[in-house]
């Protein structure tokens, strides 16, 4: 799956599930940081990440193994895109 397609689908998830303002989507790039407490990030909290995980599982058709450390994959949109792409290839 192409990086740009995955990024666009993540943006859709953010609007649909996290009520992200659509007018701000053009600001989002692979370098956009996600976690709350990181300077310049979108400030997503643990509930946001749970909601995103569920939406990713539904949209991309794979389960995120919560027993593994997936925190690193949710650091930025770019790391999340690469995680999804690697899982889509495996699946």
Protein backbone atom coordinates (compact mmCIF):
# COMPACT_ATOMS: atom_id res chain seq x y z
CA UNK A 1 0.00 0.00 0.00
CA UNK A 2 1.35 3.42 -0.94
CA UNK A 3 2.52 5.77 1.80
CA UNK A 4 0.34 8.65 0.57
CA UNK A 5 -2.80 6.46 0.50
CA UNK A 6 -2.19 5.29 4.07
CA UNK A 7 -1.58 8.87 5.22
CA UNK A 8 -4.83 10.04 3.59
CA UNK A 9 -6.75 7.23 5.28
CA UNK A 10 -5.23 8.17 8.65
CA UNK A 11 -6.36 11.75 8.09
CA UNK A 12 -9.87 10.46 7.35
CA UNK A 13 -9.80 8.46 10.60
CA UNK A 14 -8.74 11.56 12.53
CA UNK A 15 -11.68 13.55 11.16
CA UNK A 16 -14.22 10.75 11.55
CA UNK A 17 -13.19 9.30 14.90
CA UNK A 18 -11.24 12.04 16.68
CA UNK A 19 -13.34 14.94 15.38
CA UNK A 20 -10.20 16.59 13.98
CA UNK A 21 -10.97 19.84 12.16
CA UNK A 22 -10.92 19.08 8.39
CA UNK A 23 -9.55 22.53 7.59
CA UNK A 24 -6.35 21.59 9.48
CA UNK A 25 -5.65 18.44 7.45
CA UNK A 26 -3.30 20.28 5.08
CA UNK A 27 -1.00 20.93 8.08
CA UNK A 28 -0.50 17.21 8.68
CA UNK A 29 2.63 15.58 7.28
CA UNK A 30 4.52 12.37 8.08
CA UNK A 31 6.63 14.47 10.49
CA UNK A 32 3.57 15.47 12.53
CA UNK A 33 4.05 14.27 16.11
CA UNK A 34 1.08 12.68 17.86
CA UNK A 35 1.46 12.17 21.64
CA UNK A 36 0.28 14.59 24.28
CA UNK A 37 3.14 16.19 26.17
CA UNK A 38 5.47 16.42 23.16
CA UNK A 39 6.16 19.97 22.04
CA UNK A 40 4.53 20.75 18.70
CA UNK A 41 2.47 17.55 18.66
CA UNK A 42 -1.26 17.11 18.05
CA UNK A 43 -1.61 16.23 21.74
CA UNK A 44 -3.37 12.90 21.40
CA UNK A 45 -4.06 11.16 24.69
CA UNK A 46 -4.47 7.50 25.56
CA UNK A 47 -8.18 7.48 24.67
CA UNK A 48 -7.39 9.02 21.27
CA UNK A 49 -4.83 6.27 20.66
CA UNK A 50 -7.34 3.56 21.60
CA UNK A 51 -9.89 5.07 19.22
CA UNK A 52 -7.28 5.31 16.46
CA UNK A 53 -6.17 1.71 17.06
CA UNK A 54 -9.74 0.44 16.69
CA UNK A 55 -10.28 2.48 13.54
CA UNK A 56 -6.96 1.30 12.05
CA UNK A 57 -7.87 -2.33 12.74
CA UNK A 58 -11.24 -1.85 11.05
CA UNK A 59 -9.94 0.13 8.08
CA UNK A 60 -6.79 -1.85 7.32
CA UNK A 61 -7.97 -5.31 8.37
CA UNK A 62 -5.38 -6.39 10.93
CA UNK A 63 -5.23 -6.57 14.71
CA UNK A 64 -2.79 -4.47 16.67
CA UNK A 65 -1.12 -6.74 19.21
CA UNK A 66 -1.48 -4.85 22.48
CA UNK A 67 0.97 -7.21 24.19
CA UNK A 68 3.78 -5.81 22.05
CA UNK A 69 5.21 -2.35 22.60
CA UNK A 70 3.47 -0.33 19.89
CA UNK A 71 4.13 3.08 21.44
CA UNK A 72 7.01 3.78 19.05
CA UNK A 73 4.69 3.27 16.08
CA UNK A 74 2.37 6.01 17.35
CA UNK A 75 5.04 8.74 17.71
CA UNK A 76 4.29 10.49 14.42
CA UNK A 77 2.08 10.10 11.39
CA UNK A 78 5.13 8.83 9.51
CA UNK A 79 5.93 6.08 12.01
CA UNK A 80 2.27 5.08 12.07
CA UNK A 81 2.11 4.95 8.26
CA UNK A 82 5.17 2.70 8.14
CA UNK A 83 3.73 0.42 10.84
CA UNK A 84 0.47 0.07 8.90
CA UNK A 85 2.32 -0.54 5.64
CA UNK A 86 4.48 -3.26 7.25
CA UNK A 87 1.42 -4.95 8.77
CA UNK A 88 -0.52 -4.75 5.50
CA UNK A 89 2.36 -6.50 3.72
CA UNK A 90 2.48 -9.25 6.37
CA UNK A 91 -1.27 -9.73 6.43
